[in-house]
C-alpha atoms as a PDB file:
ATOM      1  CA  GLU A   1      -0.013   0.062   0.048  1.00  0.00           C
ATOM      2  CA  VAL A   2       2.833   2.421   0.766  1.00  0.00           C
ATOM      3  CA  PHE A   3       4.433   1.845  -2.584  1.00  0.00           C
ATOM      4  CA  ALA A   4       0.946   2.188  -4.282  1.00  0.00           C
ATOM      5  CA  ILE A   5      -0.241   5.451  -2.823  1.00  0.00           C
ATOM      6  CA  CYS A   6       2.658   7.341  -1.078  1.00  0.00           C
ATOM      7  CA  ASP A   7       4.972   9.976  -2.451  1.00  0.00           C
ATOM      8  CA  ALA A   8       7.554   9.887   0.414  1.00  0.00           C
ATOM      9  CA  ILE A   9       8.255   7.496   3.235  1.00  0.00           C
ATOM     10  CA  THR A  10       9.596   7.911   6.832  1.00  0.00           C
ATOM     11  CA  VAL A  11      10.895   4.787   8.724  1.00  0.00           C
ATOM     12  CA  LEU A  12      10.634   4.569  12.533  1.00  0.00           C
ATOM     13  CA  ARG A  13      12.212   1.531  14.457  1.00  0.00           C
ATOM     14  CA  ASP A  14      11.875   1.073  18.317  1.00  0.00           C
ATOM     15  CA  GLY A  15      10.468   4.559  18.634  1.00  0.00           C
ATOM     16  CA  LYS A  16      13.496   6.141  16.786  1.00  0.00           C
ATOM     17  CA  TYR A  17      13.691   7.981  13.518  1.00  0.00           C
ATOM     18  CA  ILE A  18      15.718   5.930  11.014  1.00  0.00           C
ATOM     19  CA  ASP A  19      15.298   7.562   7.621  1.00  0.00           C
ATOM     20  CA  ALA A  20      13.074   9.578   5.158  1.00  0.00           C
ATOM     21  CA  MET A  21      13.120   9.509   1.382  1.00  0.00           C
ATOM     22  CA  PRO A  22      11.096   9.844  -1.767  1.00  0.00           C
ATOM     23  CA  ILE A  23       9.225   6.559  -2.514  1.00  0.00           C
ATOM     24  CA  ASP A  24      10.872   6.241  -5.925  1.00  0.00           C
ATOM     25  CA  ASN A  25      14.194   6.031  -4.175  1.00  0.00           C
ATOM     26  CA  VAL A  26      13.451   2.887  -2.066  1.00  0.00           C
ATOM     27  CA  THR A  27      12.857  -0.685  -2.974  1.00  0.00           C
ATOM     28  CA  GLN A  28      11.031  -3.391  -0.873  1.00  0.00           C
ATOM     29  CA  ASP A  29      14.280  -4.963   0.272  1.00  0.00           C
ATOM     30  CA  MET A  30      15.767  -1.599   1.191  1.00  0.00           C
ATOM     31  CA  LEU A  31      12.544  -0.790   3.239  1.00  0.00           C
ATOM     32  CA  ILE A  32      12.723  -4.150   5.093  1.00  0.00           C
ATOM     33  CA  HIS A  33      16.247  -3.579   6.071  1.00  0.00           C
ATOM     34  CA  LEU A  34      15.537  -0.052   7.368  1.00  0.00           C
ATOM     35  CA  MET A  35      12.499  -1.419   9.442  1.00  0.00           C
ATOM     36  CA  VAL A  36      14.144  -4.581  10.649  1.00  0.00           C
ATOM     37  CA  GLY A  37      17.800  -3.426  10.852  1.00  0.00           C
ATOM     38  CA  ARG A  38      18.952  -6.486   8.852  1.00  0.00           C
ATOM     39  CA  GLU A  39      18.867  -7.797   5.383  1.00  0.00           C
ATOM     40  CA  ILE A  40      15.783  -9.617   3.918  1.00  0.00           C
ATOM     41  CA  ALA A  41      17.673 -12.844   3.738  1.00  0.00           C
ATOM     42  CA  GLU A  42      18.167 -12.810   7.520  1.00  0.00           C
ATOM     43  CA  LEU A  43      14.363 -12.766   8.069  1.00  0.00           C
ATOM     44  CA  TYR A  44      14.263 -16.452   7.561  1.00  0.00           C
ATOM     45  CA  PRO A  45      16.791 -17.978   9.879  1.00  0.00           C
ATOM     46  CA  LYS A  46      17.253 -21.568   8.460  1.00  0.00           C
ATOM     47  CA  ASP A  47      19.625 -23.644  10.444  1.00  0.00           C
ATOM     48  CA  ALA A  48      21.130 -26.303   8.098  1.00  0.00           C
ATOM     49  CA  ASN A  49      22.496 -28.150  10.970  1.00  0.00           C
ATOM     50  CA  ILE A  50      19.179 -29.196  12.527  1.00  0.00           C
ATOM     51  CA  GLN A  51      18.841 -32.939  12.477  1.00  0.00           C
ATOM     52  CA  ILE A  52      15.817 -34.315  10.957  1.00  0.00           C
ATOM     53  CA  GLY A  53      14.845 -37.561  12.659  1.00  0.00           C
ATOM     54  CA  ASP A  54      12.072 -40.178  12.605  1.00  0.00           C
ATOM     55  CA  THR A  55       8.429 -39.694  11.713  1.00  0.00           C
ATOM     56  CA  VAL A  56       6.557 -38.321  14.710  1.00  0.00           C
ATOM     57  CA  PHE A  57       3.087 -37.693  13.034  1.00  0.00           C
ATOM     58  CA  GLU A  58       1.441 -39.439  10.159  1.00  0.00           C
ATOM     59  CA  VAL A  59      -1.867 -38.882   8.140  1.00  0.00           C
ATOM     60  CA  ASN A  60      -3.421 -41.541   5.871  1.00  0.00           C
ATOM     61  CA  GLY A  61      -6.470 -41.026   3.774  1.00  0.00           C
ATOM     62  CA  LEU A  62      -7.877 -38.153   5.808  1.00  0.00           C
ATOM     63  CA  THR A  63     -11.224 -37.181   4.245  1.00  0.00           C
ATOM     64  CA  ARG A  64     -13.977 -34.666   5.309  1.00  0.00           C
ATOM     65  CA  GLU A  65     -16.662 -35.074   2.692  1.00  0.00           C
ATOM     66  CA  GLY A  66     -16.971 -31.906   0.436  1.00  0.00           C
ATOM     67  CA  VAL A  67     -14.018 -30.218   2.073  1.00  0.00           C
ATOM     68  CA  PHE A  68     -10.807 -32.236   1.651  1.00  0.00           C
ATOM     69  CA  THR A  69     -10.055 -35.734   0.225  1.00  0.00           C
ATOM     70  CA  ASP A  70      -7.546 -38.440   0.802  1.00  0.00           C
ATOM     71  CA  VAL A  71      -4.844 -36.377   2.472  1.00  0.00           C
ATOM     72  CA  ASN A  72      -1.688 -38.245   3.216  1.00  0.00           C
ATOM     73  CA  PHE A  73       1.649 -37.034   4.668  1.00  0.00           C
ATOM     74  CA  LYS A  74       4.259 -37.495   7.396  1.00  0.00           C
ATOM     75  CA  VAL A  75       6.189 -34.924   9.519  1.00  0.00           C
ATOM     76  CA  ARG A  76       9.463 -35.923  11.196  1.00  0.00           C
ATOM     77  CA  SER A  77      11.159 -34.591  14.383  1.00  0.00           C
ATOM     78  CA  GLY A  78      13.147 -31.375  13.710  1.00  0.00           C
ATOM     79  CA  GLU A  79      11.346 -30.868  10.352  1.00  0.00           C
ATOM     80  CA  ILE A  80       9.302 -27.804   9.414  1.00  0.00           C
ATOM     81  CA  LEU A  81       6.530 -28.935   6.948  1.00  0.00           C
ATOM     82  CA  GLY A  82       5.095 -26.078   4.958  1.00  0.00           C
ATOM     83  CA  PHE A  83       1.487 -26.118   3.429  1.00  0.00           C
ATOM     84  CA  CYS A  84       0.670 -23.564   0.732  1.00  0.00           C
ATOM     85  CA  GLY A  85      -2.053 -22.999  -1.659  1.00  0.00           C
ATOM     86  CA  LEU A  86      -4.694 -20.329  -2.690  1.00  0.00           C
ATOM     87  CA  MET A  87      -7.106 -19.036  -0.148  1.00  0.00           C
ATOM     88  CA  GLY A  88      -9.991 -21.494   0.245  1.00  0.00           C
ATOM     89  CA  ALA A  89      -7.862 -24.385  -1.017  1.00  0.00           C
ATOM     90  CA  GLY A  90      -8.662 -26.405   2.117  1.00  0.00           C
ATOM     91  CA  ARG A  91      -5.328 -25.961   4.097  1.00  0.00           C
ATOM     92  CA  THR A  92      -6.884 -24.557   7.278  1.00  0.00           C
ATOM     93  CA  GLU A  93      -9.831 -27.123   7.131  1.00  0.00           C
ATOM     94  CA  ILE A  94      -7.156 -30.013   6.936  1.00  0.00           C
ATOM     95  CA  MET A  95      -5.509 -28.647  10.007  1.00  0.00           C
ATOM     96  CA  GLN A  96      -8.779 -28.198  11.846  1.00  0.00           C
ATOM     97  CA  GLY A  97      -9.686 -31.753  11.056  1.00  0.00           C
ATOM     98  CA  ILE A  98      -6.327 -33.008  12.416  1.00  0.00           C
ATOM     99  CA  PHE A  99      -6.745 -31.117  15.570  1.00  0.00           C
ATOM    100  CA  GLY A 100     -10.278 -32.325  16.168  1.00  0.00           C
ATOM    101  CA  ILE A 101     -11.976 -28.934  15.663  1.00  0.00           C
ATOM    102  CA  ASP A 102     -13.976 -30.315  12.699  1.00  0.00           C
ATOM    103  CA  LYS A 103     -15.075 -33.915  12.395  1.00  0.00           C
ATOM    104  CA  ILE A 104     -13.337 -36.112   9.853  1.00  0.00           C
ATOM    105  CA  SER A 105     -15.328 -38.483   7.521  1.00  0.00           C
ATOM    106  CA  SER A 106     -12.600 -41.243   7.218  1.00  0.00           C
ATOM    107  CA  GLY A 107      -8.830 -41.741   7.476  1.00  0.00           C
ATOM    108  CA  THR A 108      -6.393 -42.372  10.275  1.00  0.00           C
ATOM    109  CA  MET A 109      -3.720 -40.409  12.210  1.00  0.00           C
ATOM    110  CA  LYS A 110      -0.848 -41.710  14.020  1.00  0.00           C
ATOM    111  CA  ILE A 111       1.466 -40.145  16.599  1.00  0.00           C
ATOM    112  CA  HIS A 112       4.786 -42.139  17.145  1.00  0.00           C
ATOM    113  CA  GLY A 113       3.188 -44.857  15.315  1.00  0.00           C
ATOM    114  CA  GLN A 114       0.160 -45.146  17.624  1.00  0.00           C
ATOM    115  CA  VAL A 115      -3.369 -44.658  16.062  1.00  0.00           C
ATOM    116  CA  ILE A 116      -5.247 -41.750  17.489  1.00  0.00           C
ATOM    117  CA  LYS A 117      -8.692 -43.329  18.070  1.00  0.00           C
ATOM    118  CA  ASN A 118     -11.993 -41.107  18.152  1.00  0.00           C
ATOM    119  CA  PRO A 119     -10.003 -37.941  17.390  1.00  0.00           C
ATOM    120  CA  SER A 120     -11.055 -34.753  19.132  1.00  0.00           C
ATOM    121  CA  THR A 121      -9.390 -31.576  20.399  1.00  0.00           C
ATOM    122  CA  LYS A 122      -8.934 -33.018  23.813  1.00  0.00           C
ATOM    123  CA  LYS A 123      -7.485 -36.200  22.305  1.00  0.00           C
ATOM    124  CA  ALA A 124      -5.132 -34.032  20.211  1.00  0.00           C
ATOM    125  CA  ILE A 125      -3.784 -32.196  23.261  1.00  0.00           C
ATOM    126  CA  GLN A 126      -3.536 -35.462  25.152  1.00  0.00           C
ATOM    127  CA  ASN A 127      -1.441 -36.929  22.244  1.00  0.00           C
ATOM    128  CA  LYS A 128       0.993 -34.018  22.416  1.00  0.00           C
ATOM    129  CA  LEU A 129      -0.501 -32.058  19.377  1.00  0.00           C
ATOM    130  CA  ALA A 130      -0.961 -28.271  19.555  1.00  0.00           C
ATOM    131  CA  MET A 131      -2.444 -25.680  17.172  1.00  0.00           C
ATOM    132  CA  VAL A 132      -2.098 -22.077  16.833  1.00  0.00           C
ATOM    133  CA  THR A 133      -5.117 -21.117  14.700  1.00  0.00           C
ATOM    134  CA  GLU A 134      -5.126 -18.588  11.853  1.00  0.00           C
ATOM    135  CA  ASP A 135      -7.562 -16.209  13.384  1.00  0.00           C
ATOM    136  CA  ARG A 136      -5.989 -14.806  16.335  1.00  0.00           C
ATOM    137  CA  LEU A 137      -8.552 -12.083  16.976  1.00  0.00           C
ATOM    138  CA  ARG A 138     -11.593 -14.381  17.183  1.00  0.00           C
ATOM    139  CA  LYS A 139     -10.347 -17.793  17.903  1.00  0.00           C
ATOM    140  CA  GLY A 140      -6.810 -17.553  19.339  1.00  0.00           C
ATOM    141  CA  ALA A 141      -7.132 -15.168  22.271  1.00  0.00           C
ATOM    142  CA  ILE A 142      -9.388 -13.778  25.008  1.00  0.00           C
ATOM    143  CA  HIS A 143      -8.382 -10.071  24.730  1.00  0.00           C
ATOM    144  CA  LYS A 144     -10.085  -8.806  27.965  1.00  0.00           C
ATOM    145  CA  LEU A 145      -8.391 -11.438  30.086  1.00  0.00           C
ATOM    146  CA  PRO A 146      -4.891 -11.204  31.465  1.00  0.00           C
ATOM    147  CA  VAL A 147      -1.877 -12.404  29.602  1.00  0.00           C
ATOM    148  CA  ARG A 148      -1.454 -14.992  32.478  1.00  0.00           C
ATOM    149  CA  VAL A 149      -4.888 -16.559  31.703  1.00  0.00           C
ATOM    150  CA  ASN A 150      -4.361 -16.629  27.961  1.00  0.00           C
ATOM    151  CA  VAL A 151      -0.946 -18.254  28.369  1.00  0.00           C
ATOM    152  CA  SER A 152      -1.998 -20.916  30.824  1.00  0.00           C
ATOM    153  CA  LEU A 153      -5.330 -21.756  29.221  1.00  0.00           C
ATOM    154  CA  ALA A 154      -4.346 -25.051  27.453  1.00  0.00           C
ATOM    155  CA  TYR A 155      -2.381 -26.681  30.197  1.00  0.00           C
ATOM    156  CA  LEU A 156      -4.593 -26.070  33.182  1.00  0.00           C
ATOM    157  CA  ASP A 157      -5.358 -29.781  33.560  1.00  0.00           C
ATOM    158  CA  SER A 158      -1.694 -30.437  34.471  1.00  0.00           C
ATOM    159  CA  ILE A 159      -1.595 -27.845  37.204  1.00  0.00           C
ATOM    160  CA  CYS A 160      -5.102 -28.471  38.735  1.00  0.00           C
ATOM    161  CA  SER A 161      -5.946 -30.770  41.771  1.00  0.00           C
ATOM    162  CA  TRP A 162      -9.420 -31.326  42.936  1.00  0.00           C
ATOM    163  CA  GLY A 163     -10.718 -28.502  40.749  1.00  0.00           C
ATOM    164  CA  PHE A 164      -8.174 -25.892  42.232  1.00  0.00           C
ATOM    165  CA  ILE A 165      -5.449 -24.235  40.053  1.00  0.00           C
ATOM    166  CA  ASN A 166      -1.967 -24.170  41.504  1.00  0.00           C
ATOM    167  CA  THR A 167      -1.670 -20.464  41.080  1.00  0.00           C
ATOM    168  CA  LYS A 168       1.933 -20.346  42.302  1.00  0.00           C
ATOM    169  CA  LYS A 169       2.960 -22.739  39.604  1.00  0.00           C
ATOM    170  CA  GLU A 170       0.811 -21.096  36.971  1.00  0.00           C
ATOM    171  CA  ILE A 171       2.455 -17.673  37.738  1.00  0.00           C
ATOM    172  CA  LYS A 172       5.996 -19.200  37.758  1.00  0.00           C
ATOM    173  CA  ASP A 173       5.453 -21.096  34.411  1.00  0.00           C
ATOM    174  CA  CYS A 174       3.856 -17.987  32.787  1.00  0.00           C
ATOM    175  CA  ASN A 175       6.748 -15.786  33.776  1.00  0.00           C
ATOM    176  CA  LYS A 176       9.364 -18.265  32.486  1.00  0.00           C
ATOM    177  CA  MET A 177       7.394 -18.657  29.244  1.00  0.00           C
ATOM    178  CA  ILE A 178       7.224 -14.760  28.821  1.00  0.00           C
ATOM    179  CA  LYS A 179      10.870 -14.574  29.376  1.00  0.00           C
ATOM    180  CA  SER A 180      11.964 -17.344  27.052  1.00  0.00           C
ATOM    181  CA  MET A 181       9.622 -16.006  24.304  1.00  0.00           C
ATOM    182  CA  ASP A 182      10.754 -12.282  24.929  1.00  0.00           C
ATOM    183  CA  ILE A 183       7.073 -11.144  25.166  1.00  0.00           C
ATOM    184  CA  LYS A 184       7.089  -7.435  26.031  1.00  0.00           C
ATOM    185  CA  VAL A 185       4.482  -6.983  28.794  1.00  0.00           C
ATOM    186  CA  ALA A 186       4.508  -4.785  31.917  1.00  0.00           C
ATOM    187  CA  ASP A 187       2.864  -7.443  34.030  1.00  0.00           C
ATOM    188  CA  ILE A 188       1.267 -10.864  33.525  1.00  0.00           C
ATOM    189  CA  GLU A 189      -2.069  -9.346  34.641  1.00  0.00           C
ATOM    190  CA  GLN A 190      -2.085  -6.890  31.832  1.00  0.00           C
ATOM    191  CA  GLU A 191      -4.877  -7.451  29.305  1.00  0.00           C
ATOM    192  CA  LEU A 192      -3.788  -9.507  26.339  1.00  0.00           C
ATOM    193  CA  GLY A 193      -5.513  -7.099  23.969  1.00  0.00           C
ATOM    194  CA  SER A 194      -3.312  -4.272  25.024  1.00  0.00           C
ATOM    195  CA  LEU A 195      -0.094  -5.803  23.642  1.00  0.00           C
ATOM    196  CA  SER A 196       1.076  -5.467  20.095  1.00  0.00           C
ATOM    197  CA  GLY A 197       0.061  -8.121  17.532  1.00  0.00           C
ATOM    198  CA  GLY A 198       3.547  -9.590  17.613  1.00  0.00           C
ATOM    199  CA  ASN A 199       3.542 -10.015  21.395  1.00  0.00           C
ATOM    200  CA  GLN A 200      -0.100 -11.436  21.362  1.00  0.00           C
ATOM    201  CA  GLN A 201       0.948 -14.132  18.871  1.00  0.00           C
ATOM    202  CA  LYS A 202       4.080 -14.995  20.897  1.00  0.00           C
ATOM    203  CA  ALA A 203       1.887 -15.353  23.980  1.00  0.00           C
ATOM    204  CA  ILE A 204      -0.373 -17.732  22.164  1.00  0.00           C
ATOM    205  CA  ILE A 205       2.537 -19.789  20.809  1.00  0.00           C
ATOM    206  CA  GLY A 206       3.831 -19.766  24.386  1.00  0.00           C
ATOM    207  CA  ARG A 207       0.376 -21.161  25.621  1.00  0.00           C
ATOM    208  CA  TRP A 208       0.814 -24.282  23.466  1.00  0.00           C
ATOM    209  CA  LEU A 209       4.495 -24.743  24.300  1.00  0.00           C
ATOM    210  CA  LEU A 210       3.416 -25.067  27.942  1.00  0.00           C
ATOM    211  CA  THR A 211       1.522 -28.293  26.898  1.00  0.00           C
ATOM    212  CA  GLN A 212       5.006 -29.682  25.827  1.00  0.00           C
ATOM    213  CA  PRO A 213       3.703 -30.731  22.434  1.00  0.00           C
ATOM    214  CA  ASP A 214       5.601 -32.985  19.982  1.00  0.00           C
ATOM    215  CA  VAL A 215       3.729 -31.718  16.922  1.00  0.00           C
ATOM    216  CA  LEU A 216       3.004 -28.020  16.580  1.00  0.00           C
ATOM    217  CA  ILE A 217       0.594 -26.706  13.868  1.00  0.00           C
ATOM    218  CA  LEU A 218       1.005 -23.108  13.039  1.00  0.00           C
ATOM    219  CA  ASP A 219      -1.708 -21.689  10.791  1.00  0.00           C
ATOM    220  CA  GLU A 220      -0.683 -18.230   9.403  1.00  0.00           C
ATOM    221  CA  PRO A 221       1.693 -17.583  12.299  1.00  0.00           C
ATOM    222  CA  THR A 222       2.729 -14.113  11.206  1.00  0.00           C
ATOM    223  CA  ARG A 223      -0.624 -12.657   9.893  1.00  0.00           C
ATOM    224  CA  GLY A 224      -1.201  -9.121  11.112  1.00  0.00           C
ATOM    225  CA  ILE A 225       2.108  -8.595  12.770  1.00  0.00           C
ATOM    226  CA  ASP A 226       4.901  -6.279  11.745  1.00  0.00           C
ATOM    227  CA  ILE A 227       8.090  -7.250   9.952  1.00  0.00           C
ATOM    228  CA  GLY A 228      10.265  -7.180  13.025  1.00  0.00           C
ATOM    229  CA  ALA A 229       7.876  -9.406  14.925  1.00  0.00           C
ATOM    230  CA  LYS A 230       7.831 -11.809  11.971  1.00  0.00           C
ATOM    231  CA  SER A 231      11.459 -12.322  12.261  1.00  0.00           C
ATOM    232  CA  GLU A 232      11.122 -13.094  15.982  1.00  0.00           C
ATOM    233  CA  VAL A 233       8.472 -15.696  15.230  1.00  0.00           C
ATOM    234  CA  TYR A 234      10.595 -17.367  12.689  1.00  0.00           C
ATOM    235  CA  LYS A 235      13.528 -17.622  15.105  1.00  0.00           C
ATOM    236  CA  ILE A 236      11.184 -19.261  17.617  1.00  0.00           C
ATOM    237  CA  ILE A 237      10.083 -21.723  14.994  1.00  0.00           C
ATOM    238  CA  SER A 238      13.538 -22.622  14.015  1.00  0.00           C
ATOM    239  CA  SER A 239      14.422 -23.035  17.698  1.00  0.00           C
ATOM    240  CA  LEU A 240      11.626 -25.449  18.335  1.00  0.00           C
ATOM    241  CA  ALA A 241      12.760 -27.490  15.240  1.00  0.00           C
ATOM    242  CA  ARG A 242      16.174 -27.574  16.822  1.00  0.00           C
ATOM    243  CA  GLN A 243      14.674 -28.947  20.020  1.00  0.00           C
ATOM    244  CA  GLY A 244      13.230 -31.834  17.936  1.00  0.00           C
ATOM    245  CA  LYS A 245       9.599 -30.653  17.597  1.00  0.00           C
ATOM    246  CA  ALA A 246       7.684 -31.543  14.422  1.00  0.00           C
ATOM    247  CA  ILE A 247       6.397 -28.333  13.004  1.00  0.00           C
ATOM    248  CA  ILE A 248       3.540 -27.834  10.450  1.00  0.00           C
ATOM    249  CA  ILE A 249       3.177 -24.362   9.050  1.00  0.00           C
ATOM    250  CA  VAL A 250       0.358 -23.050   6.912  1.00  0.00           C
ATOM    251  CA  SER A 251       0.947 -19.726   5.021  1.00  0.00           C
ATOM    252  CA  SER A 252      -0.505 -17.720   2.281  1.00  0.00           C
ATOM    253  CA  GLU A 253       2.834 -15.915   1.816  1.00  0.00           C
ATOM    254  CA  LEU A 254       5.043 -17.984  -0.427  1.00  0.00           C
ATOM    255  CA  PRO A 255       8.442 -16.260   0.453  1.00  0.00           C
ATOM    256  CA  GLU A 256       7.570 -17.140   4.195  1.00  0.00           C
ATOM    257  CA  VAL A 257       6.700 -20.782   3.598  1.00  0.00           C
ATOM    258  CA  MET A 258       9.682 -21.199   1.232  1.00  0.00           C
ATOM    259  CA  GLY A 259      12.030 -19.419   3.641  1.00  0.00           C
ATOM    260  CA  ILE A 260      11.473 -21.545   6.666  1.00  0.00           C
ATOM    261  CA  SER A 261      10.270 -24.848   5.496  1.00  0.00           C
ATOM    262  CA  ASP A 262      12.219 -28.183   4.833  1.00  0.00           C
ATOM    263  CA  ARG A 263       9.457 -29.510   2.700  1.00  0.00           C
ATOM    264  CA  ILE A 264       6.357 -28.107   1.036  1.00  0.00           C
ATOM    265  CA  LEU A 265       2.904 -29.547   0.293  1.00  0.00           C
ATOM    266  CA  VAL A 266       0.770 -27.697  -2.155  1.00  0.00           C
ATOM    267  CA  VAL A 267      -3.071 -27.932  -1.601  1.00  0.00           C
ATOM    268  CA  ARG A 268      -5.630 -27.404  -4.304  1.00  0.00           C
ATOM    269  CA  HIS A 269      -9.318 -28.093  -3.899  1.00  0.00           C
ATOM    270  CA  GLY A 270      -8.886 -30.071  -0.747  1.00  0.00           C
ATOM    271  CA  LYS A 271      -6.139 -32.237  -2.178  1.00  0.00           C
ATOM    272  CA  ILE A 272      -2.410 -32.289  -1.904  1.00  0.00           C
ATOM    273  CA  VAL A 273      -1.295 -31.865  -5.483  1.00  0.00           C
ATOM    274  CA  ALA A 274       2.495 -31.499  -5.056  1.00  0.00           C
ATOM    275  CA  GLU A 275       5.278 -32.261  -2.640  1.00  0.00           C
ATOM    276  CA  LYS A 276       8.694 -30.419  -3.013  1.00  0.00           C
ATOM    277  CA  GLU A 277      11.950 -30.724  -0.908  1.00  0.00           C
ATOM    278  CA  ARG A 278      13.819 -27.521  -0.140  1.00  0.00           C
ATOM    279  CA  SER A 279      16.277 -28.011  -3.026  1.00  0.00           C
ATOM    280  CA  GLU A 280      13.300 -28.057  -5.435  1.00  0.00           C
ATOM    281  CA  PHE A 281      11.649 -24.848  -4.138  1.00  0.00           C
ATOM    282  CA  ASN A 282      10.505 -22.485  -7.083  1.00  0.00           C
ATOM    283  CA  GLU A 283       7.976 -19.829  -6.463  1.00  0.00           C
ATOM    284  CA  GLU A 284       6.698 -19.953  -9.965  1.00  0.00           C
ATOM    285  CA  ASP A 285       6.455 -23.867 -10.015  1.00  0.00           C
ATOM    286  CA  LEU A 286       4.530 -23.813  -6.632  1.00  0.00           C
ATOM    287  CA  MET A 287       2.088 -21.145  -7.796  1.00  0.00           C
ATOM    288  CA  LYS A 288       1.288 -23.136 -11.047  1.00  0.00           C
ATOM    289  CA  TYR A 289       0.437 -26.256  -8.816  1.00  0.00           C
ATOM    290  CA  ALA A 290      -1.750 -23.953  -6.653  1.00  0.00           C
ATOM    291  CA  PHE A 291      -3.580 -22.610  -9.726  1.00  0.00           C
ATOM    292  CA  GLY A 292      -3.694 -26.033 -11.372  1.00  0.00           C
ATOM    293  CA  THR A 293      -1.781 -24.857 -14.475  1.00  0.00           C
ATOM    294  CA  HIS A 294       1.302 -27.034 -13.879  1.00  0.00           C
ATOM    295  CA  LYS A 295       2.106 -29.187 -16.906  1.00  0.00           C
ATOM    296  CA  PRO A 296       3.957 -32.554 -16.471  1.00  0.00           C
ATOM    297  CA  GLN A 297       7.286 -32.630 -17.797  1.00  0.00           C
END
């Protein structure tokens, strides 16, 4: 929008004036560098030394009638598996079926080789799956409640006894997560809605990390947050992969999903139509699969 409608641009970073110039004198890469303080290539911290291990989670023939059909894939420890495709292709619906938000018609899911029977959201959490939803504003956060409550929501079962919450442990764990995620907050009793979009998103990711998941699904993890906060989220994702977590990321932004994924699956009309390893990533090729215009060699 800035490039489309503005004559001049002024860049601020961390409350300080950085630069000002006519819009014709700045490229998108230059602008990102001024906003973030580093080159665009540094936005996607890809650690080539992360060891990808054995299969953690596996989906076979997953189907929800009229929504997605015969979905098959595996994700391994330390791997970041990307899902891309056009809006409405069925990416989010597949993830909601996996996490038990929506009922599936047929198919199986396995965690560490064990079939998840009668899948539901509760079963998903019990089986060490976690999901950060794409709609942070309506489905991911309770804006009027404190940061403490928002962060501890998903793991309360583990700190409750006879219906009472171990508040001391809750506060300790929340503070530890806020520190490790570098969430900028004055106090854990501050309303979540008063934080910036990036800090809200880090708090939601922290909520699920308290459940100690083996598989973390991130649906549009950087939607609606500024470029600096995006870089911080990418670093968190890379760090989780380094710890051996199996990461599934859904994104509408091809540079993002290509920048951080080890492997990409393309979804079109509720089906996986292509699978590409990192060495095969090509933006134009992926878009052709997404649009259905790819021609076999």
